[in-house]
Amino acid sequence: MTSLRKIRPRLVISDWDETITKKDTIRHVASIPYHFNPHLTPRFSHYTEIYTDAYTTLRSSYGPCTTLAAHIDFQSRMDAVEATSITAMEKDGIFRGLTRSQLEHAPSLDSIEVRTNAVDLIARCQGSNVPFVVLSANWSSLVIQSVLRRCGLSGVRVVTNELEFDDSGEEARTTGRWRRDVVVRTSRDKLAQVEILMRRAGVSDNVVYVGDSLTDLLPVLNVKYPFVISGSKLEKVLKELNVEGVTYGTWSDFISLIDWST
């Protein structure tokens, strides 16, 4: 862990997948419509292939990223890649007809494991009146908040992509589309949301951002206290490029860096 004096953040923002959770959780969310409709087609692997093909094409045409500027530029080109699978799922209505209860209580969510010390840090933030926000490129705050409640955490703010609901019937159900008012797909999207969160919290400094992937690159580069999960892809890239001022560690390490006195 990089040496850092005790800090008193005014806002803590964290990624979700493989940052708060031990592993990526998209597959668990993706399985929900198939659980409630076993005959649903195409299978989710079809959309994974669409995404992978688009990413591979961009990666091949762009070439290797050997500088920080190149990594930033590459991330700015990810919008089209991220849109490919989302557009295809919306067209096919894969997430159409789900209730809020089905999203919150799907059996697949029981397999999502959260890092123990991440839960501890969030609870400490709540006890110290330090705003904590999950900022995720996942697909529904209903899922994320459900997992956090299972860990004993309630009232955690989540900013992520949200499924659109049709409230015209007896019970609201998803339309199969995602809302357009908040879009969190790329690193650039995440930075825009960080800036919004800072403005709304009335803070311009003393912000912690915790991440693990290249989607977290721009937020990590633009906050005072960037924390990166040890052993992550983002740590590897930042260390290869000799980026300074970043703290690498575990959630236990991050807890020890914060002054929790009131």
C-alpha atoms as a PDB file:
ATOM      1  CA  MET A   1       0.000   0.000   0.000  1.00  0.00           C
ATOM      2  CA  THR A   2       1.304   3.427  -0.957  1.00  0.00           C
ATOM      3  CA  SER A   3       2.079   5.563   2.090  1.00  0.00           C
ATOM      4  CA  LEU A   4      -0.560   8.210   2.720  1.00  0.00           C
ATOM      5  CA  ARG A   5      -1.375  10.314   5.755  1.00  0.00           C
ATOM      6  CA  LYS A   6      -4.772  10.004   7.371  1.00  0.00           C
ATOM      7  CA  ILE A   7      -7.438  11.723   5.337  1.00  0.00           C
ATOM      8  CA  ARG A   8     -10.935  13.061   6.057  1.00  0.00           C
ATOM      9  CA  PRO A   9     -12.927  12.644   2.845  1.00  0.00           C
ATOM     10  CA  ARG A  10     -16.094  14.663   2.278  1.00  0.00           C
ATOM     11  CA  LEU A  11     -17.394  12.170  -0.279  1.00  0.00           C
ATOM     12  CA  VAL A  12     -16.523   8.539  -1.074  1.00  0.00           C
ATOM     13  CA  ILE A  13     -17.461   7.082  -4.464  1.00  0.00           C
ATOM     14  CA  SER A  14     -16.853   3.463  -5.404  1.00  0.00           C
ATOM     15  CA  ASP A  15     -17.213   1.210  -8.391  1.00  0.00           C
ATOM     16  CA  TRP A  16     -19.245  -1.968  -7.830  1.00  0.00           C
ATOM     17  CA  ASP A  17     -18.093  -4.956  -9.904  1.00  0.00           C
ATOM     18  CA  GLU A  18     -14.804  -6.452  -8.687  1.00  0.00           C
ATOM     19  CA  THR A  19     -14.320  -3.430  -6.432  1.00  0.00           C
ATOM     20  CA  ILE A  20     -17.014  -3.907  -3.803  1.00  0.00           C
ATOM     21  CA  THR A  21     -17.853  -7.375  -5.108  1.00  0.00           C
ATOM     22  CA  LYS A  22     -15.306 -10.162  -5.323  1.00  0.00           C
ATOM     23  CA  LYS A  23     -16.139 -10.963  -8.951  1.00  0.00           C
ATOM     24  CA  ASP A  24     -17.970  -9.417 -11.886  1.00  0.00           C
ATOM     25  CA  THR A  25     -21.734  -9.650 -11.384  1.00  0.00           C
ATOM     26  CA  ILE A  26     -23.130  -8.897 -14.850  1.00  0.00           C
ATOM     27  CA  ARG A  27     -23.646 -12.611 -15.517  1.00  0.00           C
ATOM     28  CA  HIS A  28     -25.835 -12.863 -12.415  1.00  0.00           C
ATOM     29  CA  VAL A  29     -27.946  -9.910 -13.544  1.00  0.00           C
ATOM     30  CA  ALA A  30     -28.032 -11.243 -17.108  1.00  0.00           C
ATOM     31  CA  SER A  31     -29.448 -14.549 -15.913  1.00  0.00           C
ATOM     32  CA  ILE A  32     -32.530 -12.946 -14.326  1.00  0.00           C
ATOM     33  CA  PRO A  33     -34.800 -12.751 -17.412  1.00  0.00           C
ATOM     34  CA  TYR A  34     -33.865 -16.330 -18.353  1.00  0.00           C
ATOM     35  CA  HIS A  35     -34.741 -17.564 -14.866  1.00  0.00           C
ATOM     36  CA  PHE A  36     -38.261 -16.185 -15.119  1.00  0.00           C
ATOM     37  CA  ASN A  37     -38.611 -17.136 -18.801  1.00  0.00           C
ATOM     38  CA  PRO A  38     -36.591 -20.330 -19.431  1.00  0.00           C
ATOM     39  CA  HIS A  39     -37.519 -20.404 -23.128  1.00  0.00           C
ATOM     40  CA  LEU A  40     -36.257 -16.872 -23.776  1.00  0.00           C
ATOM     41  CA  THR A  41     -34.009 -16.501 -26.818  1.00  0.00           C
ATOM     42  CA  PRO A  42     -31.383 -15.635 -27.905  1.00  0.00           C
ATOM     43  CA  ARG A  43     -29.306 -16.857 -24.986  1.00  0.00           C
ATOM     44  CA  PHE A  44     -27.134 -14.256 -23.289  1.00  0.00           C
ATOM     45  CA  SER A  45     -23.970 -15.618 -24.910  1.00  0.00           C
ATOM     46  CA  HIS A  46     -25.249 -14.052 -28.146  1.00  0.00           C
ATOM     47  CA  TYR A  47     -24.917 -10.551 -26.661  1.00  0.00           C
ATOM     48  CA  THR A  48     -21.569 -11.347 -25.108  1.00  0.00           C
ATOM     49  CA  GLU A  49     -20.299 -12.263 -28.570  1.00  0.00           C
ATOM     50  CA  ILE A  50     -21.653  -9.005 -30.018  1.00  0.00           C
ATOM     51  CA  TYR A  51     -19.774  -7.017 -27.371  1.00  0.00           C
ATOM     52  CA  THR A  52     -16.580  -9.055 -27.708  1.00  0.00           C
ATOM     53  CA  ASP A  53     -16.542  -8.697 -31.492  1.00  0.00           C
ATOM     54  CA  ALA A  54     -17.002  -4.927 -31.276  1.00  0.00           C
ATOM     55  CA  TYR A  55     -14.296  -4.596 -28.621  1.00  0.00           C
ATOM     56  CA  THR A  56     -11.860  -6.791 -30.560  1.00  0.00           C
ATOM     57  CA  THR A  57     -12.412  -4.722 -33.702  1.00  0.00           C
ATOM     58  CA  LEU A  58     -11.698  -1.473 -31.851  1.00  0.00           C
ATOM     59  CA  ARG A  59      -8.713  -2.950 -30.047  1.00  0.00           C
ATOM     60  CA  SER A  60      -7.204  -4.280 -33.296  1.00  0.00           C
ATOM     61  CA  SER A  61      -7.719  -1.069 -35.222  1.00  0.00           C
ATOM     62  CA  TYR A  62      -6.424   1.136 -32.413  1.00  0.00           C
ATOM     63  CA  GLY A  63      -3.262  -0.765 -31.605  1.00  0.00           C
ATOM     64  CA  PRO A  64      -1.410  -0.978 -28.282  1.00  0.00           C
ATOM     65  CA  CYS A  65      -1.839   1.722 -25.622  1.00  0.00           C
ATOM     66  CA  THR A  66       1.649   2.569 -24.413  1.00  0.00           C
ATOM     67  CA  THR A  67       0.969   5.969 -22.833  1.00  0.00           C
ATOM     68  CA  LEU A  68      -1.561   7.359 -20.400  1.00  0.00           C
ATOM     69  CA  ALA A  69      -2.871   9.657 -23.129  1.00  0.00           C
ATOM     70  CA  ALA A  70      -3.472   6.637 -25.375  1.00  0.00           C
ATOM     71  CA  HIS A  71      -5.399   4.819 -22.646  1.00  0.00           C
ATOM     72  CA  ILE A  72      -7.546   7.910 -22.072  1.00  0.00           C
ATOM     73  CA  ASP A  73      -8.187   8.288 -25.788  1.00  0.00           C
ATOM     74  CA  PHE A  74      -9.058   4.604 -26.154  1.00  0.00           C
ATOM     75  CA  GLN A  75     -11.568   4.853 -23.315  1.00  0.00           C
ATOM     76  CA  SER A  76     -13.186   7.822 -25.082  1.00  0.00           C
ATOM     77  CA  ARG A  77     -13.890   5.532 -28.053  1.00  0.00           C
ATOM     78  CA  MET A  78     -15.676   2.857 -26.020  1.00  0.00           C
ATOM     79  CA  ASP A  79     -19.153   4.393 -26.363  1.00  0.00           C
ATOM     80  CA  ALA A  80     -19.897   2.602 -29.627  1.00  0.00           C
ATOM     81  CA  VAL A  81     -18.610  -0.710 -28.279  1.00  0.00           C
ATOM     82  CA  GLU A  82     -20.759  -0.510 -25.148  1.00  0.00           C
ATOM     83  CA  ALA A  83     -23.807   0.419 -27.229  1.00  0.00           C
ATOM     84  CA  THR A  84     -23.644  -2.685 -29.443  1.00  0.00           C
ATOM     85  CA  SER A  85     -24.867  -5.295 -26.963  1.00  0.00           C
ATOM     86  CA  ILE A  86     -27.230  -2.903 -25.149  1.00  0.00           C
ATOM     87  CA  THR A  87     -28.915  -1.928 -28.412  1.00  0.00           C
ATOM     88  CA  ALA A  88     -29.255  -5.583 -29.401  1.00  0.00           C
ATOM     89  CA  MET A  89     -30.810  -6.530 -26.042  1.00  0.00           C
ATOM     90  CA  GLU A  90     -33.266  -3.652 -26.252  1.00  0.00           C
ATOM     91  CA  LYS A  91     -34.240  -4.639 -29.799  1.00  0.00           C
ATOM     92  CA  ASP A  92     -34.883  -8.234 -28.723  1.00  0.00           C
ATOM     93  CA  GLY A  93     -36.647  -7.217 -25.503  1.00  0.00           C
ATOM     94  CA  ILE A  94     -34.533  -9.513 -23.355  1.00  0.00           C
ATOM     95  CA  PHE A  95     -35.246  -7.534 -20.184  1.00  0.00           C
ATOM     96  CA  ARG A  96     -38.931  -6.912 -20.953  1.00  0.00           C
ATOM     97  CA  GLY A  97     -41.690  -7.815 -18.490  1.00  0.00           C
ATOM     98  CA  LEU A  98     -39.757  -8.047 -15.211  1.00  0.00           C
ATOM     99  CA  THR A  99     -41.136  -6.704 -11.949  1.00  0.00           C
ATOM    100  CA  ARG A 100     -39.131  -4.835  -9.361  1.00  0.00           C
ATOM    101  CA  SER A 101     -39.562  -7.752  -6.987  1.00  0.00           C
ATOM    102  CA  GLN A 102     -38.125 -10.184  -9.536  1.00  0.00           C
ATOM    103  CA  LEU A 103     -35.048  -7.986  -9.967  1.00  0.00           C
ATOM    104  CA  GLU A 104     -34.578  -7.619  -6.223  1.00  0.00           C
ATOM    105  CA  HIS A 105     -35.144 -11.241  -5.270  1.00  0.00           C
ATOM    106  CA  ALA A 106     -33.778 -13.240  -8.204  1.00  0.00           C
ATOM    107  CA  PRO A 107     -32.050 -16.430  -6.967  1.00  0.00           C
ATOM    108  CA  SER A 108     -28.863 -15.600  -8.888  1.00  0.00           C
ATOM    109  CA  LEU A 109     -28.204 -12.638  -6.575  1.00  0.00           C
ATOM    110  CA  ASP A 110     -27.507 -15.056  -3.718  1.00  0.00           C
ATOM    111  CA  SER A 111     -24.278 -16.014  -5.503  1.00  0.00           C
ATOM    112  CA  ILE A 112     -22.885 -12.457  -5.466  1.00  0.00           C
ATOM    113  CA  GLU A 113     -20.115 -12.134  -2.886  1.00  0.00           C
ATOM    114  CA  VAL A 114     -19.211  -8.761  -1.400  1.00  0.00           C
ATOM    115  CA  ARG A 115     -15.800  -7.992   0.061  1.00  0.00           C
ATOM    116  CA  THR A 116     -16.193  -7.983   3.850  1.00  0.00           C
ATOM    117  CA  ASN A 117     -14.094  -4.916   4.518  1.00  0.00           C
ATOM    118  CA  ALA A 118     -15.954  -2.970   1.822  1.00  0.00           C
ATOM    119  CA  VAL A 119     -19.117  -3.452   3.876  1.00  0.00           C
ATOM    120  CA  ASP A 120     -17.241  -2.231   6.945  1.00  0.00           C
ATOM    121  CA  LEU A 121     -16.037   0.924   5.191  1.00  0.00           C
ATOM    122  CA  ILE A 122     -19.524   1.767   3.906  1.00  0.00           C
ATOM    123  CA  ALA A 123     -20.966   1.286   7.395  1.00  0.00           C
ATOM    124  CA  ARG A 124     -18.261   3.523   8.850  1.00  0.00           C
ATOM    125  CA  CYS A 125     -19.049   6.217   6.277  1.00  0.00           C
ATOM    126  CA  GLN A 126     -22.711   6.061   7.259  1.00  0.00           C
ATOM    127  CA  GLY A 127     -21.819   6.272  10.939  1.00  0.00           C
ATOM    128  CA  SER A 128     -19.524   9.243  10.328  1.00  0.00           C
ATOM    129  CA  ASN A 129     -21.927  11.147   8.050  1.00  0.00           C
ATOM    130  CA  VAL A 130     -19.575  10.804   5.095  1.00  0.00           C
ATOM    131  CA  PRO A 131     -21.647  10.414   1.903  1.00  0.00           C
ATOM    132  CA  PHE A 132     -20.947   7.100   0.169  1.00  0.00           C
ATOM    133  CA  VAL A 133     -22.087   6.432  -3.404  1.00  0.00           C
ATOM    134  CA  VAL A 134     -21.829   3.334  -5.571  1.00  0.00           C
ATOM    135  CA  LEU A 135     -21.135   4.384  -9.173  1.00  0.00           C
ATOM    136  CA  SER A 136     -21.523   1.426 -11.487  1.00  0.00           C
ATOM    137  CA  ALA A 137     -21.805   0.494 -15.152  1.00  0.00           C
ATOM    138  CA  ASN A 138     -24.111  -2.335 -14.086  1.00  0.00           C
ATOM    139  CA  TRP A 139     -27.770  -2.499 -15.072  1.00  0.00           C
ATOM    140  CA  SER A 140     -29.995  -1.757 -12.104  1.00  0.00           C
ATOM    141  CA  SER A 141     -29.765  -0.118  -8.702  1.00  0.00           C
ATOM    142  CA  LEU A 142     -32.490  -2.535  -7.553  1.00  0.00           C
ATOM    143  CA  VAL A 143     -30.019  -5.400  -7.859  1.00  0.00           C
ATOM    144  CA  ILE A 144     -27.125  -3.585  -6.192  1.00  0.00           C
ATOM    145  CA  GLN A 145     -29.209  -2.298  -3.288  1.00  0.00           C
ATOM    146  CA  SER A 146     -30.716  -5.757  -2.793  1.00  0.00           C
ATOM    147  CA  VAL A 147     -27.244  -7.279  -2.427  1.00  0.00           C
ATOM    148  CA  LEU A 148     -26.180  -4.531  -0.022  1.00  0.00           C
ATOM    149  CA  ARG A 149     -29.295  -5.019   2.113  1.00  0.00           C
ATOM    150  CA  ARG A 150     -28.413  -8.694   2.404  1.00  0.00           C
ATOM    151  CA  CYS A 151     -25.102  -7.495   3.877  1.00  0.00           C
ATOM    152  CA  GLY A 152     -26.921  -5.355   6.433  1.00  0.00           C
ATOM    153  CA  LEU A 153     -26.534  -2.055   4.591  1.00  0.00           C
ATOM    154  CA  SER A 154     -29.514   0.131   3.811  1.00  0.00           C
ATOM    155  CA  GLY A 155     -29.831   3.611   2.359  1.00  0.00           C
ATOM    156  CA  VAL A 156     -26.746   3.333   0.156  1.00  0.00           C
ATOM    157  CA  ARG A 157     -27.021   5.645  -2.824  1.00  0.00           C
ATOM    158  CA  VAL A 158     -26.436   3.939  -6.170  1.00  0.00           C
ATOM    159  CA  VAL A 159     -25.875   5.640  -9.519  1.00  0.00           C
ATOM    160  CA  THR A 160     -26.057   3.183 -12.384  1.00  0.00           C
ATOM    161  CA  ASN A 161     -27.986   2.329 -15.523  1.00  0.00           C
ATOM    162  CA  GLU A 162     -31.681   1.863 -14.791  1.00  0.00           C
ATOM    163  CA  LEU A 163     -34.232  -0.280 -16.554  1.00  0.00           C
ATOM    164  CA  GLU A 164     -37.315   1.577 -17.728  1.00  0.00           C
ATOM    165  CA  PHE A 165     -40.646   0.574 -16.155  1.00  0.00           C
ATOM    166  CA  ASP A 166     -44.153   0.797 -17.565  1.00  0.00           C
ATOM    167  CA  ASP A 167     -46.461   1.731 -14.681  1.00  0.00           C
ATOM    168  CA  SER A 168     -49.671   1.594 -16.703  1.00  0.00           C
ATOM    169  CA  GLY A 169     -50.733  -1.898 -15.573  1.00  0.00           C
ATOM    170  CA  GLU A 170     -51.622  -3.343 -12.198  1.00  0.00           C
ATOM    171  CA  GLU A 171     -47.924  -4.013 -11.532  1.00  0.00           C
ATOM    172  CA  ALA A 172     -45.036  -2.068 -13.015  1.00  0.00           C
ATOM    173  CA  ARG A 173     -42.936  -4.105 -15.416  1.00  0.00           C
ATOM    174  CA  THR A 174     -39.811  -3.373 -17.403  1.00  0.00           C
ATOM    175  CA  THR A 175     -40.192  -2.239 -21.006  1.00  0.00           C
ATOM    176  CA  GLY A 176     -36.973  -3.928 -22.102  1.00  0.00           C
ATOM    177  CA  ARG A 177     -35.223  -0.582 -22.479  1.00  0.00           C
ATOM    178  CA  TRP A 178     -32.840   1.339 -20.251  1.00  0.00           C
ATOM    179  CA  ARG A 179     -33.606   4.863 -19.154  1.00  0.00           C
ATOM    180  CA  ARG A 180     -31.741   7.626 -20.953  1.00  0.00           C
ATOM    181  CA  ASP A 181     -31.549  10.187 -18.129  1.00  0.00           C
ATOM    182  CA  VAL A 182     -28.477   8.558 -16.548  1.00  0.00           C
ATOM    183  CA  VAL A 183     -26.049   6.573 -18.709  1.00  0.00           C
ATOM    184  CA  VAL A 184     -22.995   4.936 -17.108  1.00  0.00           C
ATOM    185  CA  ARG A 185     -21.224   2.834 -19.724  1.00  0.00           C
ATOM    186  CA  THR A 186     -17.727   4.244 -20.137  1.00  0.00           C
ATOM    187  CA  SER A 187     -14.943   5.874 -18.159  1.00  0.00           C
ATOM    188  CA  ARG A 188     -16.015   9.244 -19.556  1.00  0.00           C
ATOM    189  CA  ASP A 189     -19.567   8.615 -18.328  1.00  0.00           C
ATOM    190  CA  LYS A 190     -18.225   7.806 -14.874  1.00  0.00           C
ATOM    191  CA  LEU A 191     -16.185  10.996 -14.720  1.00  0.00           C
ATOM    192  CA  ALA A 192     -19.255  13.025 -15.688  1.00  0.00           C
ATOM    193  CA  GLN A 193     -21.221  11.391 -12.860  1.00  0.00           C
ATOM    194  CA  VAL A 194     -18.391  12.014 -10.370  1.00  0.00           C
ATOM    195  CA  GLU A 195     -18.487  15.702 -11.266  1.00  0.00           C
ATOM    196  CA  ILE A 196     -22.292  15.766 -10.821  1.00  0.00           C
ATOM    197  CA  LEU A 197     -22.034  14.022  -7.446  1.00  0.00           C
ATOM    198  CA  MET A 198     -19.396  16.488  -6.281  1.00  0.00           C
ATOM    199  CA  ARG A 199     -21.520  19.473  -7.294  1.00  0.00           C
ATOM    200  CA  ARG A 200     -24.615  18.079  -5.609  1.00  0.00           C
ATOM    201  CA  ALA A 201     -22.660  17.327  -2.436  1.00  0.00           C
ATOM    202  CA  GLY A 202     -21.200  20.832  -2.515  1.00  0.00           C
ATOM    203  CA  VAL A 203     -17.613  19.597  -2.498  1.00  0.00           C
ATOM    204  CA  SER A 204     -14.758  20.436  -4.820  1.00  0.00           C
ATOM    205  CA  ASP A 205     -12.009  18.554  -3.019  1.00  0.00           C
ATOM    206  CA  ASN A 206     -11.333  15.738  -0.534  1.00  0.00           C
ATOM    207  CA  VAL A 207     -13.107  13.126  -2.635  1.00  0.00           C
ATOM    208  CA  VAL A 208     -12.175   9.437  -2.579  1.00  0.00           C
ATOM    209  CA  TYR A 209     -12.792   7.255  -5.627  1.00  0.00           C
ATOM    210  CA  VAL A 210     -12.272   3.485  -5.422  1.00  0.00           C
ATOM    211  CA  GLY A 211     -11.959   1.393  -8.588  1.00  0.00           C
ATOM    212  CA  ASP A 212     -10.349  -1.599 -10.227  1.00  0.00           C
ATOM    213  CA  SER A 213     -10.783  -1.420 -14.004  1.00  0.00           C
ATOM    214  CA  LEU A 214      -9.973   0.859 -16.919  1.00  0.00           C
ATOM    215  CA  THR A 215     -13.570   2.071 -16.830  1.00  0.00           C
ATOM    216  CA  ASP A 216     -12.485   3.731 -13.573  1.00  0.00           C
ATOM    217  CA  LEU A 217      -9.453   5.391 -15.169  1.00  0.00           C
ATOM    218  CA  LEU A 218     -10.797   8.928 -15.611  1.00  0.00           C
ATOM    219  CA  PRO A 219     -12.395   9.183 -12.148  1.00  0.00           C
ATOM    220  CA  VAL A 220      -9.185   7.898 -10.568  1.00  0.00           C
ATOM    221  CA  LEU A 221      -7.153  10.536 -12.413  1.00  0.00           C
ATOM    222  CA  ASN A 222      -9.481  13.365 -11.427  1.00  0.00           C
ATOM    223  CA  VAL A 223     -10.044  13.070  -7.669  1.00  0.00           C
ATOM    224  CA  LYS A 224      -7.768  14.049  -4.805  1.00  0.00           C
ATOM    225  CA  TYR A 225      -7.716  10.589  -3.240  1.00  0.00           C
ATOM    226  CA  PRO A 226      -7.668   7.808  -5.859  1.00  0.00           C
ATOM    227  CA  PHE A 227      -7.809   4.310  -4.349  1.00  0.00           C
ATOM    228  CA  VAL A 228      -7.224   1.274  -6.570  1.00  0.00           C
ATOM    229  CA  ILE A 229      -7.785  -2.358  -5.642  1.00  0.00           C
ATOM    230  CA  SER A 230      -4.535  -4.337  -5.374  1.00  0.00           C
ATOM    231  CA  GLY A 231      -4.026  -6.941  -8.093  1.00  0.00           C
ATOM    232  CA  SER A 232      -6.474  -5.242 -10.455  1.00  0.00           C
ATOM    233  CA  LYS A 233      -6.081  -4.435 -14.144  1.00  0.00           C
ATOM    234  CA  LEU A 234      -6.085  -0.734 -13.334  1.00  0.00           C
ATOM    235  CA  GLU A 235      -3.225  -1.130 -10.860  1.00  0.00           C
ATOM    236  CA  LYS A 236      -1.174  -2.947 -13.482  1.00  0.00           C
ATOM    237  CA  VAL A 237      -1.679  -0.218 -16.090  1.00  0.00           C
ATOM    238  CA  LEU A 238      -1.069   2.714 -13.745  1.00  0.00           C
ATOM    239  CA  LYS A 239       2.098   1.189 -12.340  1.00  0.00           C
ATOM    240  CA  GLU A 240       3.421   0.370 -15.816  1.00  0.00           C
ATOM    241  CA  LEU A 241       2.898   4.026 -16.745  1.00  0.00           C
ATOM    242  CA  ASN A 242       4.416   5.282 -13.464  1.00  0.00           C
ATOM    243  CA  VAL A 243       1.312   7.280 -12.571  1.00  0.00           C
ATOM    244  CA  GLU A 244       1.901   8.932  -9.207  1.00  0.00           C
ATOM    245  CA  GLY A 245      -0.446   9.832  -6.389  1.00  0.00           C
ATOM    246  CA  VAL A 246      -2.530   6.642  -6.460  1.00  0.00           C
ATOM    247  CA  THR A 247      -3.037   4.462  -3.385  1.00  0.00           C
ATOM    248  CA  TYR A 248      -3.181   0.703  -4.014  1.00  0.00           C
ATOM    249  CA  GLY A 249      -4.523  -1.668  -1.429  1.00  0.00           C
ATOM    250  CA  THR A 250      -7.426  -3.616   0.037  1.00  0.00           C
ATOM    251  CA  TRP A 251     -10.566  -2.282   1.676  1.00  0.00           C
ATOM    252  CA  SER A 252      -8.918  -2.945   5.017  1.00  0.00           C
ATOM    253  CA  ASP A 253      -6.026  -0.716   3.929  1.00  0.00           C
ATOM    254  CA  PHE A 254      -8.420   2.012   2.819  1.00  0.00           C
ATOM    255  CA  ILE A 255     -10.208   1.919   6.174  1.00  0.00           C
ATOM    256  CA  SER A 256      -6.894   2.466   7.943  1.00  0.00           C
ATOM    257  CA  LEU A 257      -6.162   5.544   5.835  1.00  0.00           C
ATOM    258  CA  ILE A 258      -9.287   7.428   6.825  1.00  0.00           C
ATOM    259  CA  ASP A 259      -9.637   9.507   9.972  1.00  0.00           C
ATOM    260  CA  TRP A 260     -12.968   8.315  11.391  1.00  0.00           C
ATOM    261  CA  SER A 261     -13.014  10.630  14.385  1.00  0.00           C
ATOM    262  CA  THR A 262     -16.033  12.927  14.608  1.00  0.00           C
END
